[in-house]
């Protein structure tokens, strides 16, 4: 037996992630950094699934690019960010306003 329904599964996951096409209100754009700080305060989830960050102080676990310690080099030990959330949010809001 297979428990699967494409509309329910795909739509359900998009709704939970806050990225579905019908997200309302349109300006509700999740910030993954704030979500991590709110729901994974000590970084336990991150440390389990991103072992490159497990030795960072918890203050930097969700923002490793802010850490300047000698035992961690951004770009070598962990990739540099490819998205600046603040800029991406502004672009998304502007696009949504046009729709």
PDB file of N, CA and C in Angstrom:
ATOM      1  N   UNK A   1       0.841  -1.179   0.000  1.00  0.00           N
ATOM      2  CA  UNK A   1       0.000   0.000   0.000  1.00  0.00           C
ATOM      3  C   UNK A   1       0.884   1.240   0.000  1.00  0.00           C
ATOM      4  N   UNK A   2       0.494   2.213  -0.755  1.00  0.00           N
ATOM      5  CA  UNK A   2       1.261   3.439  -0.879  1.00  0.00           C
ATOM      6  C   UNK A   2       0.432   4.601  -0.347  1.00  0.00           C
ATOM      7  N   UNK A   3       1.002   5.327   0.593  1.00  0.00           N
ATOM      8  CA  UNK A   3       0.317   6.487   1.166  1.00  0.00           C
ATOM      9  C   UNK A   3       0.889   7.734   0.513  1.00  0.00           C
ATOM     10  N   UNK A   4       0.332   8.099  -0.627  1.00  0.00           N
ATOM     11  CA  UNK A   4       0.863   9.230  -1.365  1.00  0.00           C
ATOM     12  C   UNK A   4      -0.227   9.870  -2.194  1.00  0.00           C
ATOM     13  N   UNK A   5      -0.264  11.176  -2.173  1.00  0.00           N
ATOM     14  CA  UNK A   5      -1.141  11.950  -3.023  1.00  0.00           C
ATOM     15  C   UNK A   5      -0.344  13.177  -3.435  1.00  0.00           C
ATOM     16  N   UNK A   6      -0.080  13.312  -4.718  1.00  0.00           N
ATOM     17  CA  UNK A   6       0.820  14.369  -5.169  1.00  0.00           C
ATOM     18  C   UNK A   6       0.366  15.749  -4.699  1.00  0.00           C
ATOM     19  N   UNK A   7      -0.886  16.071  -4.872  1.00  0.00           N
ATOM     20  CA  UNK A   7      -1.358  17.400  -4.483  1.00  0.00           C
ATOM     21  C   UNK A   7      -1.218  17.623  -2.977  1.00  0.00           C
ATOM     22  N   UNK A   8      -1.604  16.636  -2.193  1.00  0.00           N
ATOM     23  CA  UNK A   8      -1.515  16.788  -0.741  1.00  0.00           C
ATOM     24  C   UNK A   8      -0.074  16.832  -0.262  1.00  0.00           C
ATOM     25  N   UNK A   9       0.741  15.925  -0.760  1.00  0.00           N
ATOM     26  CA  UNK A   9       2.121  15.857  -0.291  1.00  0.00           C
ATOM     27  C   UNK A   9       2.923  17.091  -0.699  1.00  0.00           C
ATOM     28  N   UNK A  10       2.929  17.431  -1.976  1.00  0.00           N
ATOM     29  CA  UNK A  10       3.708  18.574  -2.452  1.00  0.00           C
ATOM     30  C   UNK A  10       3.148  19.865  -1.867  1.00  0.00           C
ATOM     31  N   UNK A  11       1.850  20.045  -1.958  1.00  0.00           N
ATOM     32  CA  UNK A  11       1.231  21.253  -1.417  1.00  0.00           C
ATOM     33  C   UNK A  11       1.402  21.359   0.087  1.00  0.00           C
ATOM     34  N   UNK A  12       1.294  20.228   0.760  1.00  0.00           N
ATOM     35  CA  UNK A  12       1.447  20.222   2.215  1.00  0.00           C
ATOM     36  C   UNK A  12       2.843  20.626   2.643  1.00  0.00           C
ATOM     37  N   UNK A  13       3.845  20.071   1.973  1.00  0.00           N
ATOM     38  CA  UNK A  13       5.225  20.421   2.332  1.00  0.00           C
ATOM     39  C   UNK A  13       5.515  21.876   2.002  1.00  0.00           C
ATOM     40  N   UNK A  14       4.991  22.365   0.902  1.00  0.00           N
ATOM     41  CA  UNK A  14       5.211  23.773   0.573  1.00  0.00           C
ATOM     42  C   UNK A  14       4.542  24.671   1.609  1.00  0.00           C
ATOM     43  N   UNK A  15       3.356  24.302   2.073  1.00  0.00           N
ATOM     44  CA  UNK A  15       2.671  25.105   3.078  1.00  0.00           C
ATOM     45  C   UNK A  15       3.462  25.123   4.380  1.00  0.00           C
ATOM     46  N   UNK A  16       3.942  23.951   4.800  1.00  0.00           N
ATOM     47  CA  UNK A  16       4.724  23.857   6.031  1.00  0.00           C
ATOM     48  C   UNK A  16       6.001  24.686   5.922  1.00  0.00           C
ATOM     49  N   UNK A  17       6.630  24.676   4.762  1.00  0.00           N
ATOM     50  CA  UNK A  17       7.876  25.415   4.559  1.00  0.00           C
ATOM     51  C   UNK A  17       7.638  26.902   4.311  1.00  0.00           C
ATOM     52  N   UNK A  18       6.381  27.283   4.099  1.00  0.00           N
ATOM     53  CA  UNK A  18       6.075  28.682   3.855  1.00  0.00           C
ATOM     54  C   UNK A  18       6.496  29.172   2.492  1.00  0.00           C
ATOM     55  N   UNK A  19       6.577  28.236   1.512  1.00  0.00           N
ATOM     56  CA  UNK A  19       7.049  28.645   0.190  1.00  0.00           C
ATOM     57  C   UNK A  19       6.065  28.290  -0.907  1.00  0.00           C
ATOM     58  N   UNK A  20       4.847  27.961  -0.561  1.00  0.00           N
ATOM     59  CA  UNK A  20       3.872  27.594  -1.578  1.00  0.00           C
ATOM     60  C   UNK A  20       3.425  28.786  -2.397  1.00  0.00           C
ATOM     61  N   UNK A  21       2.819  28.498  -3.538  1.00  0.00           N
ATOM     62  CA  UNK A  21       2.372  29.557  -4.435  1.00  0.00           C
ATOM     63  C   UNK A  21       1.225  30.363  -3.847  1.00  0.00           C
ATOM     64  N   UNK A  22       0.528  29.808  -2.876  1.00  0.00           N
ATOM     65  CA  UNK A  22      -0.617  30.504  -2.304  1.00  0.00           C
ATOM     66  C   UNK A  22      -0.333  31.049  -0.908  1.00  0.00           C
ATOM     67  N   UNK A  23       0.934  31.257  -0.597  1.00  0.00           N
ATOM     68  CA  UNK A  23       1.282  31.768   0.728  1.00  0.00           C
ATOM     69  C   UNK A  23       0.599  33.112   0.952  1.00  0.00           C
ATOM     70  N   UNK A  24      -0.044  33.241   2.069  1.00  0.00           N
ATOM     71  CA  UNK A  24      -0.733  34.496   2.378  1.00  0.00           C
ATOM     72  C   UNK A  24      -0.405  34.873   3.805  1.00  0.00           C
ATOM     73  N   UNK A  25      -0.135  36.074   4.098  1.00  0.00           N
ATOM     74  CA  UNK A  25      -0.007  37.175   3.150  1.00  0.00           C
ATOM     75  C   UNK A  25       1.301  37.071   2.361  1.00  0.00           C
ATOM     76  N   UNK A  26       1.342  37.761   1.223  1.00  0.00           N
ATOM     77  CA  UNK A  26       2.489  37.610   0.324  1.00  0.00           C
ATOM     78  C   UNK A  26       3.799  38.079   0.944  1.00  0.00           C
ATOM     79  N   UNK A  27       3.735  38.980   1.919  1.00  0.00           N
ATOM     80  CA  UNK A  27       4.962  39.509   2.519  1.00  0.00           C
ATOM     81  C   UNK A  27       5.520  38.626   3.620  1.00  0.00           C
ATOM     82  N   UNK A  28       4.913  37.475   3.831  1.00  0.00           N
ATOM     83  CA  UNK A  28       5.384  36.538   4.852  1.00  0.00           C
ATOM     84  C   UNK A  28       6.500  35.685   4.255  1.00  0.00           C
ATOM     85  N   UNK A  29       7.703  36.171   4.375  1.00  0.00           N
ATOM     86  CA  UNK A  29       8.870  35.484   3.831  1.00  0.00           C
ATOM     87  C   UNK A  29       9.726  35.040   5.008  1.00  0.00           C
ATOM     88  N   UNK A  30       9.862  33.754   5.180  1.00  0.00           N
ATOM     89  CA  UNK A  30      10.611  33.231   6.312  1.00  0.00           C
ATOM     90  C   UNK A  30      12.092  33.564   6.203  1.00  0.00           C
ATOM     91  N   UNK A  31      12.674  33.881   7.330  1.00  0.00           N
ATOM     92  CA  UNK A  31      14.103  34.118   7.425  1.00  0.00           C
ATOM     93  C   UNK A  31      14.712  32.863   8.043  1.00  0.00           C
ATOM     94  N   UNK A  32      15.470  32.080   7.280  1.00  0.00           N
ATOM     95  CA  UNK A  32      15.989  30.819   7.811  1.00  0.00           C
ATOM     96  C   UNK A  32      16.921  31.002   9.015  1.00  0.00           C
ATOM     97  N   UNK A  33      17.597  32.140   9.085  1.00  0.00           N
ATOM     98  CA  UNK A  33      18.486  32.396  10.228  1.00  0.00           C
ATOM     99  C   UNK A  33      17.658  32.588  11.487  1.00  0.00           C
ATOM    100  N   UNK A  34      16.637  33.439  11.410  1.00  0.00           N
ATOM    101  CA  UNK A  34      15.782  33.675  12.577  1.00  0.00           C
ATOM    102  C   UNK A  34      15.027  32.414  12.980  1.00  0.00           C
ATOM    103  N   UNK A  35      14.606  31.620  11.999  1.00  0.00           N
ATOM    104  CA  UNK A  35      13.918  30.364  12.311  1.00  0.00           C
ATOM    105  C   UNK A  35      14.847  29.426  13.072  1.00  0.00           C
ATOM    106  N   UNK A  36      16.103  29.349  12.631  1.00  0.00           N
ATOM    107  CA  UNK A  36      17.075  28.512  13.326  1.00  0.00           C
ATOM    108  C   UNK A  36      17.322  28.990  14.739  1.00  0.00           C
ATOM    109  N   UNK A  37      17.491  30.302  14.899  1.00  0.00           N
ATOM    110  CA  UNK A  37      17.729  30.855  16.235  1.00  0.00           C
ATOM    111  C   UNK A  37      16.536  30.653  17.159  1.00  0.00           C
ATOM    112  N   UNK A  38      15.362  30.688  16.593  1.00  0.00           N
ATOM    113  CA  UNK A  38      14.140  30.528  17.401  1.00  0.00           C
ATOM    114  C   UNK A  38      13.883  29.071  17.779  1.00  0.00           C
ATOM    115  N   UNK A  39      14.040  28.165  16.828  1.00  0.00           N
ATOM    116  CA  UNK A  39      13.636  26.774  17.054  1.00  0.00           C
ATOM    117  C   UNK A  39      14.797  25.803  17.282  1.00  0.00           C
ATOM    118  N   UNK A  40      16.026  26.271  17.136  1.00  0.00           N
ATOM    119  CA  UNK A  40      17.205  25.436  17.378  1.00  0.00           C
ATOM    120  C   UNK A  40      18.252  26.294  18.094  1.00  0.00           C
ATOM    121  N   UNK A  41      17.850  26.842  19.232  1.00  0.00           N
ATOM    122  CA  UNK A  41      18.674  27.819  19.954  1.00  0.00           C
ATOM    123  C   UNK A  41      20.106  27.365  20.183  1.00  0.00           C
ATOM    124  N   UNK A  42      20.288  26.119  20.556  1.00  0.00           N
ATOM    125  CA  UNK A  42      21.629  25.611  20.836  1.00  0.00           C
ATOM    126  C   UNK A  42      22.314  25.021  19.615  1.00  0.00           C
ATOM    127  N   UNK A  43      21.616  25.005  18.483  1.00  0.00           N
ATOM    128  CA  UNK A  43      22.210  24.502  17.251  1.00  0.00           C
ATOM    129  C   UNK A  43      22.366  22.996  17.199  1.00  0.00           C
ATOM    130  N   UNK A  44      21.606  22.262  17.995  1.00  0.00           N
ATOM    131  CA  UNK A  44      21.741  20.794  18.019  1.00  0.00           C
ATOM    132  C   UNK A  44      21.420  20.172  16.664  1.00  0.00           C
ATOM    133  N   UNK A  45      20.370  20.637  16.028  1.00  0.00           N
ATOM    134  CA  UNK A  45      19.992  20.106  14.710  1.00  0.00           C
ATOM    135  C   UNK A  45      21.095  20.403  13.699  1.00  0.00           C
ATOM    136  N   UNK A  46      21.569  21.640  13.698  1.00  0.00           N
ATOM    137  CA  UNK A  46      22.628  22.035  12.762  1.00  0.00           C
ATOM    138  C   UNK A  46      23.878  21.199  13.004  1.00  0.00           C
ATOM    139  N   UNK A  47      24.260  21.044  14.259  1.00  0.00           N
ATOM    140  CA  UNK A  47      25.480  20.291  14.586  1.00  0.00           C
ATOM    141  C   UNK A  47      25.379  18.837  14.134  1.00  0.00           C
ATOM    142  N   UNK A  48      24.171  18.284  14.199  1.00  0.00           N
ATOM    143  CA  UNK A  48      23.980  16.889  13.777  1.00  0.00           C
ATOM    144  C   UNK A  48      24.125  16.747  12.263  1.00  0.00           C
ATOM    145  N   UNK A  49      23.520  17.651  11.511  1.00  0.00           N
ATOM    146  CA  UNK A  49      23.447  17.500  10.063  1.00  0.00           C
ATOM    147  C   UNK A  49      24.482  18.309   9.293  1.00  0.00           C
ATOM    148  N   UNK A  50      25.147  19.247   9.969  1.00  0.00           N
ATOM    149  CA  UNK A  50      26.206  20.030   9.322  1.00  0.00           C
ATOM    150  C   UNK A  50      27.429  19.965  10.237  1.00  0.00           C
ATOM    151  N   UNK A  51      28.127  18.838  10.216  1.00  0.00           N
ATOM    152  CA  UNK A  51      29.224  18.638  11.154  1.00  0.00           C
ATOM    153  C   UNK A  51      30.361  19.657  11.011  1.00  0.00           C
ATOM    154  N   UNK A  52      30.440  20.335   9.882  1.00  0.00           N
ATOM    155  CA  UNK A  52      31.469  21.363   9.698  1.00  0.00           C
ATOM    156  C   UNK A  52      31.308  22.505  10.706  1.00  0.00           C
ATOM    157  N   UNK A  53      30.100  22.651  11.249  1.00  0.00           N
ATOM    158  CA  UNK A  53      29.826  23.757  12.167  1.00  0.00           C
ATOM    159  C   UNK A  53      29.759  23.324  13.627  1.00  0.00           C
ATOM    160  N   UNK A  54      29.959  22.048  13.908  1.00  0.00           N
ATOM    161  CA  UNK A  54      29.726  21.540  15.261  1.00  0.00           C
ATOM    162  C   UNK A  54      30.641  22.140  16.323  1.00  0.00           C
ATOM    163  N   UNK A  55      31.801  22.664  15.951  1.00  0.00           N
ATOM    164  CA  UNK A  55      32.715  23.233  16.942  1.00  0.00           C
ATOM    165  C   UNK A  55      32.601  24.749  17.075  1.00  0.00           C
ATOM    166  N   UNK A  56      31.701  25.348  16.320  1.00  0.00           N
ATOM    167  CA  UNK A  56      31.505  26.790  16.441  1.00  0.00           C
ATOM    168  C   UNK A  56      30.745  27.105  17.727  1.00  0.00           C
ATOM    169  N   UNK A  57      31.032  28.248  18.349  1.00  0.00           N
ATOM    170  CA  UNK A  57      30.220  28.660  19.500  1.00  0.00           C
ATOM    171  C   UNK A  57      28.769  28.818  19.065  1.00  0.00           C
ATOM    172  N   UNK A  58      27.830  28.492  19.952  1.00  0.00           N
ATOM    173  CA  UNK A  58      26.420  28.510  19.547  1.00  0.00           C
ATOM    174  C   UNK A  58      25.956  29.878  19.078  1.00  0.00           C
ATOM    175  N   UNK A  59      26.635  30.939  19.500  1.00  0.00           N
ATOM    176  CA  UNK A  59      26.289  32.287  19.040  1.00  0.00           C
ATOM    177  C   UNK A  59      26.416  32.399  17.514  1.00  0.00           C
ATOM    178  N   UNK A  60      27.285  31.587  16.912  1.00  0.00           N
ATOM    179  CA  UNK A  60      27.560  31.683  15.477  1.00  0.00           C
ATOM    180  C   UNK A  60      27.035  30.496  14.671  1.00  0.00           C
ATOM    181  N   UNK A  61      26.384  29.560  15.310  1.00  0.00           N
ATOM    182  CA  UNK A  61      25.971  28.329  14.630  1.00  0.00           C
ATOM    183  C   UNK A  61      25.023  28.617  13.455  1.00  0.00           C
ATOM    184  N   UNK A  62      24.207  29.668  13.582  1.00  0.00           N
ATOM    185  CA  UNK A  62      23.278  30.016  12.502  1.00  0.00           C
ATOM    186  C   UNK A  62      23.813  31.130  11.611  1.00  0.00           C
ATOM    187  N   UNK A  63      24.954  31.695  11.975  1.00  0.00           N
ATOM    188  CA  UNK A  63      25.604  32.744  11.179  1.00  0.00           C
ATOM    189  C   UNK A  63      27.108  32.498  11.165  1.00  0.00           C
ATOM    190  N   UNK A  64      27.551  31.404  10.581  1.00  0.00           N
ATOM    191  CA  UNK A  64      28.986  31.089  10.612  1.00  0.00           C
ATOM    192  C   UNK A  64      29.856  32.132   9.920  1.00  0.00           C
ATOM    193  N   UNK A  65      29.308  32.910   9.011  1.00  0.00           N
ATOM    194  CA  UNK A  65      30.068  33.940   8.309  1.00  0.00           C
ATOM    195  C   UNK A  65      30.471  35.092   9.235  1.00  0.00           C
ATOM    196  N   UNK A  66      29.850  35.179  10.420  1.00  0.00           N
ATOM    197  CA  UNK A  66      30.220  36.222  11.390  1.00  0.00           C
ATOM    198  C   UNK A  66      31.340  35.787  12.325  1.00  0.00           C
ATOM    199  N   UNK A  67      31.673  34.508  12.313  1.00  0.00           N
ATOM    200  CA  UNK A  67      32.697  33.991  13.226  1.00  0.00           C
ATOM    201  C   UNK A  67      34.092  34.305  12.693  1.00  0.00           C
ATOM    202  N   UNK A  68      34.950  34.804  13.566  1.00  0.00           N
ATOM    203  CA  UNK A  68      36.297  35.186  13.143  1.00  0.00           C
ATOM    204  C   UNK A  68      37.379  34.420  13.897  1.00  0.00           C
ATOM    205  N   UNK A  69      37.019  33.310  14.507  1.00  0.00           N
ATOM    206  CA  UNK A  69      38.002  32.518  15.242  1.00  0.00           C
ATOM    207  C   UNK A  69      39.066  31.929  14.331  1.00  0.00           C
ATOM    208  N   UNK A  70      40.196  31.626  14.925  1.00  0.00           N
ATOM    209  CA  UNK A  70      41.329  31.106  14.149  1.00  0.00           C
ATOM    210  C   UNK A  70      41.128  29.660  13.697  1.00  0.00           C
ATOM    211  N   UNK A  71      40.275  28.917  14.378  1.00  0.00           N
ATOM    212  CA  UNK A  71      40.099  27.496  14.065  1.00  0.00           C
ATOM    213  C   UNK A  71      39.022  27.231  13.014  1.00  0.00           C
ATOM    214  N   UNK A  72      38.583  28.274  12.320  1.00  0.00           N
ATOM    215  CA  UNK A  72      37.514  28.124  11.333  1.00  0.00           C
ATOM    216  C   UNK A  72      37.725  29.163  10.242  1.00  0.00           C
ATOM    217  N   UNK A  73      37.779  28.688   9.004  1.00  0.00           N
ATOM    218  CA  UNK A  73      37.980  29.609   7.890  1.00  0.00           C
ATOM    219  C   UNK A  73      36.821  29.481   6.907  1.00  0.00           C
ATOM    220  N   UNK A  74      36.047  30.545   6.830  1.00  0.00           N
ATOM    221  CA  UNK A  74      34.923  30.577   5.903  1.00  0.00           C
ATOM    222  C   UNK A  74      35.451  30.493   4.482  1.00  0.00           C
ATOM    223  N   UNK A  75      34.833  29.683   3.673  1.00  0.00           N
ATOM    224  CA  UNK A  75      35.278  29.470   2.301  1.00  0.00           C
ATOM    225  C   UNK A  75      36.153  28.244   2.168  1.00  0.00           C
ATOM    226  N   UNK A  76      36.710  27.787   3.288  1.00  0.00           N
ATOM    227  CA  UNK A  76      37.520  26.573   3.299  1.00  0.00           C
ATOM    228  C   UNK A  76      36.831  25.496   4.132  1.00  0.00           C
ATOM    229  N   UNK A  77      36.533  25.833   5.377  1.00  0.00           N
ATOM    230  CA  UNK A  77      35.880  24.881   6.281  1.00  0.00           C
ATOM    231  C   UNK A  77      34.368  24.817   6.054  1.00  0.00           C
ATOM    232  N   UNK A  78      33.827  25.872   5.524  1.00  0.00           N
ATOM    233  CA  UNK A  78      32.387  25.950   5.255  1.00  0.00           C
ATOM    234  C   UNK A  78      32.199  26.972   4.136  1.00  0.00           C
ATOM    235  N   UNK A  79      31.285  26.715   3.192  1.00  0.00           N
ATOM    236  CA  UNK A  79      31.125  27.641   2.058  1.00  0.00           C
ATOM    237  C   UNK A  79      30.612  29.021   2.477  1.00  0.00           C
ATOM    238  N   UNK A  80      30.965  29.997   1.703  1.00  0.00           N
ATOM    239  CA  UNK A  80      30.440  31.349   1.914  1.00  0.00           C
ATOM    240  C   UNK A  80      28.963  31.368   1.518  1.00  0.00           C
ATOM    241  N   UNK A  81      28.181  32.257   2.112  1.00  0.00           N
ATOM    242  CA  UNK A  81      26.763  32.344   1.726  1.00  0.00           C
ATOM    243  C   UNK A  81      26.615  32.671   0.243  1.00  0.00           C
ATOM    244  N   UNK A  82      25.603  32.092  -0.386  1.00  0.00           N
ATOM    245  CA  UNK A  82      25.341  32.407  -1.792  1.00  0.00           C
ATOM    246  C   UNK A  82      24.134  33.329  -1.932  1.00  0.00           C
ATOM    247  N   UNK A  83      23.388  33.509  -0.834  1.00  0.00           N
ATOM    248  CA  UNK A  83      22.216  34.378  -0.825  1.00  0.00           C
ATOM    249  C   UNK A  83      22.313  35.306   0.375  1.00  0.00           C
ATOM    250  N   UNK A  84      22.122  36.586   0.130  1.00  0.00           N
ATOM    251  CA  UNK A  84      21.993  37.545   1.227  1.00  0.00           C
ATOM    252  C   UNK A  84      20.498  37.688   1.462  1.00  0.00           C
ATOM    253  N   UNK A  85      20.043  37.132   2.572  1.00  0.00           N
ATOM    254  CA  UNK A  85      18.601  37.030   2.798  1.00  0.00           C
ATOM    255  C   UNK A  85      17.900  38.385   2.735  1.00  0.00           C
ATOM    256  N   UNK A  86      18.505  39.399   3.302  1.00  0.00           N
ATOM    257  CA  UNK A  86      17.867  40.714   3.312  1.00  0.00           C
ATOM    258  C   UNK A  86      17.619  41.223   1.889  1.00  0.00           C
ATOM    259  N   UNK A  87      18.603  41.052   1.024  1.00  0.00           N
ATOM    260  CA  UNK A  87      18.464  41.490  -0.369  1.00  0.00           C
ATOM    261  C   UNK A  87      17.456  40.626  -1.116  1.00  0.00           C
ATOM    262  N   UNK A  88      17.503  39.325  -0.898  1.00  0.00           N
ATOM    263  CA  UNK A  88      16.582  38.406  -1.578  1.00  0.00           C
ATOM    264  C   UNK A  88      15.142  38.681  -1.162  1.00  0.00           C
ATOM    265  N   UNK A  89      14.950  39.007   0.106  1.00  0.00           N
ATOM    266  CA  UNK A  89      13.600  39.321   0.606  1.00  0.00           C
ATOM    267  C   UNK A  89      13.040  40.551  -0.105  1.00  0.00           C
ATOM    268  N   UNK A  90      13.843  41.590  -0.242  1.00  0.00           N
ATOM    269  CA  UNK A  90      13.405  42.809  -0.925  1.00  0.00           C
ATOM    270  C   UNK A  90      13.038  42.502  -2.371  1.00  0.00           C
ATOM    271  N   UNK A  91      13.865  41.716  -3.052  1.00  0.00           N
ATOM    272  CA  UNK A  91      13.568  41.347  -4.453  1.00  0.00           C
ATOM    273  C   UNK A  91      12.267  40.566  -4.549  1.00  0.00           C
ATOM    274  N   UNK A  92      12.065  39.622  -3.618  1.00  0.00           N
ATOM    275  CA  UNK A  92      10.838  38.814  -3.639  1.00  0.00           C
ATOM    276  C   UNK A  92       9.623  39.695  -3.373  1.00  0.00           C
ATOM    277  N   UNK A  93       9.708  40.586  -2.410  1.00  0.00           N
ATOM    278  CA  UNK A  93       8.579  41.474  -2.107  1.00  0.00           C
ATOM    279  C   UNK A  93       8.234  42.344  -3.302  1.00  0.00           C
ATOM    280  N   UNK A  94       9.244  42.877  -3.958  1.00  0.00           N
ATOM    281  CA  UNK A  94       8.999  43.691  -5.145  1.00  0.00           C
ATOM    282  C   UNK A  94       8.333  42.890  -6.260  1.00  0.00           C
ATOM    283  N   UNK A  95       8.768  41.655  -6.437  1.00  0.00           N
ATOM    284  CA  UNK A  95       8.156  40.794  -7.459  1.00  0.00           C
ATOM    285  C   UNK A  95       6.713  40.477  -7.100  1.00  0.00           C
ATOM    286  N   UNK A  96       6.445  40.175  -5.819  1.00  0.00           N
ATOM    287  CA  UNK A  96       5.083  39.858  -5.396  1.00  0.00           C
ATOM    288  C   UNK A  96       4.152  41.057  -5.552  1.00  0.00           C
ATOM    289  N   UNK A  97       4.663  42.249  -5.318  1.00  0.00           N
ATOM    290  CA  UNK A  97       3.837  43.465  -5.456  1.00  0.00           C
ATOM    291  C   UNK A  97       3.377  43.667  -6.889  1.00  0.00           C
ATOM    292  N   UNK A  98       4.183  43.200  -7.842  1.00  0.00           N
ATOM    293  CA  UNK A  98       3.847  43.371  -9.259  1.00  0.00           C
ATOM    294  C   UNK A  98       2.771  42.387  -9.720  1.00  0.00           C
ATOM    295  N   UNK A  99       2.615  41.319  -8.984  1.00  0.00           N
ATOM    296  CA  UNK A  99       1.660  40.277  -9.413  1.00  0.00           C
ATOM    297  C   UNK A  99       0.234  40.736  -9.175  1.00  0.00           C
TER     298      UNK A  99
END
